């Protein structure tokens, strides 16, 4: 199930015209590593995306 969801996420991101390819690559690398990101890391990533700038 998780693999199916990740595949769907990757396909959506690849097709999205306003998501930069390097951001997709970072997301893939992050999702394929263990341990999974903490809630704080996910929130920081979402803020970066919303604000369009690096935080921290």
C-alpha atoms as a PDB file:
ATOM      1  CA  UNK A   1       0.000   0.000   0.000  1.00  0.00           C
ATOM      2  CA  UNK A   2       2.741   2.471   0.964  1.00  0.00           C
ATOM      3  CA  UNK A   3       4.583   1.785  -2.299  1.00  0.00           C
ATOM      4  CA  UNK A   4       1.419   2.509  -4.271  1.00  0.00           C
ATOM      5  CA  UNK A   5       0.927   5.788  -2.443  1.00  0.00           C
ATOM      6  CA  UNK A   6       4.553   6.843  -2.982  1.00  0.00           C
ATOM      7  CA  UNK A   7       4.313   6.002  -6.676  1.00  0.00           C
ATOM      8  CA  UNK A   8       1.167   8.122  -6.981  1.00  0.00           C
ATOM      9  CA  UNK A   9       2.852  10.993  -5.133  1.00  0.00           C
ATOM     10  CA  UNK A  10       5.886  10.850  -7.428  1.00  0.00           C
ATOM     11  CA  UNK A  11       3.688  10.815 -10.526  1.00  0.00           C
ATOM     12  CA  UNK A  12       1.680  13.823  -9.301  1.00  0.00           C
ATOM     13  CA  UNK A  13       4.821  15.788  -8.489  1.00  0.00           C
ATOM     14  CA  UNK A  14       6.445  14.929 -11.825  1.00  0.00           C
ATOM     15  CA  UNK A  15       3.342  16.172 -13.656  1.00  0.00           C
ATOM     16  CA  UNK A  16       2.943  19.346 -11.594  1.00  0.00           C
ATOM     17  CA  UNK A  17       4.174  22.355 -13.624  1.00  0.00           C
ATOM     18  CA  UNK A  18       5.089  24.532 -10.630  1.00  0.00           C
ATOM     19  CA  UNK A  19       7.147  21.978  -8.667  1.00  0.00           C
ATOM     20  CA  UNK A  20      10.844  22.211  -9.473  1.00  0.00           C
ATOM     21  CA  UNK A  21      12.539  18.932 -10.501  1.00  0.00           C
ATOM     22  CA  UNK A  22      15.241  19.387  -7.846  1.00  0.00           C
ATOM     23  CA  UNK A  23      12.530  19.617  -5.174  1.00  0.00           C
ATOM     24  CA  UNK A  24      11.043  16.344  -6.418  1.00  0.00           C
ATOM     25  CA  UNK A  25      14.495  14.740  -6.296  1.00  0.00           C
ATOM     26  CA  UNK A  26      15.024  15.943  -2.706  1.00  0.00           C
ATOM     27  CA  UNK A  27      11.623  14.579  -1.724  1.00  0.00           C
ATOM     28  CA  UNK A  28      12.312  11.200  -3.296  1.00  0.00           C
ATOM     29  CA  UNK A  29      15.677  10.974  -1.557  1.00  0.00           C
ATOM     30  CA  UNK A  30      14.132  11.925   1.776  1.00  0.00           C
ATOM     31  CA  UNK A  31      11.284   9.411   1.482  1.00  0.00           C
ATOM     32  CA  UNK A  32      13.618   6.569   0.525  1.00  0.00           C
ATOM     33  CA  UNK A  33      15.867   6.989   3.581  1.00  0.00           C
ATOM     34  CA  UNK A  34      15.310   5.809   7.116  1.00  0.00           C
ATOM     35  CA  UNK A  35      14.427   7.012   9.650  1.00  0.00           C
ATOM     36  CA  UNK A  36      11.445   8.898   8.355  1.00  0.00           C
ATOM     37  CA  UNK A  37      11.402  12.668   8.925  1.00  0.00           C
ATOM     38  CA  UNK A  38      10.161  14.033  12.221  1.00  0.00           C
ATOM     39  CA  UNK A  39       7.059  16.190  12.458  1.00  0.00           C
ATOM     40  CA  UNK A  40       9.286  19.243  12.844  1.00  0.00           C
ATOM     41  CA  UNK A  41      11.209  18.406   9.670  1.00  0.00           C
ATOM     42  CA  UNK A  42       7.965  17.922   7.748  1.00  0.00           C
ATOM     43  CA  UNK A  43       6.624  21.246   9.051  1.00  0.00           C
ATOM     44  CA  UNK A  44       9.875  23.014   8.102  1.00  0.00           C
ATOM     45  CA  UNK A  45       9.699  21.533   4.612  1.00  0.00           C
ATOM     46  CA  UNK A  46       6.098  22.681   4.224  1.00  0.00           C
ATOM     47  CA  UNK A  47       7.036  26.185   5.367  1.00  0.00           C
ATOM     48  CA  UNK A  48       9.889  26.265   2.851  1.00  0.00           C
ATOM     49  CA  UNK A  49       7.452  25.304   0.141  1.00  0.00           C
ATOM     50  CA  UNK A  50       4.805  27.842   1.182  1.00  0.00           C
ATOM     51  CA  UNK A  51       7.239  30.701   1.746  1.00  0.00           C
ATOM     52  CA  UNK A  52       9.481  29.823  -1.193  1.00  0.00           C
ATOM     53  CA  UNK A  53      12.641  30.202   0.867  1.00  0.00           C
ATOM     54  CA  UNK A  54      14.875  28.155   3.082  1.00  0.00           C
ATOM     55  CA  UNK A  55      14.174  28.279   6.810  1.00  0.00           C
ATOM     56  CA  UNK A  56      16.666  27.678   9.598  1.00  0.00           C
END
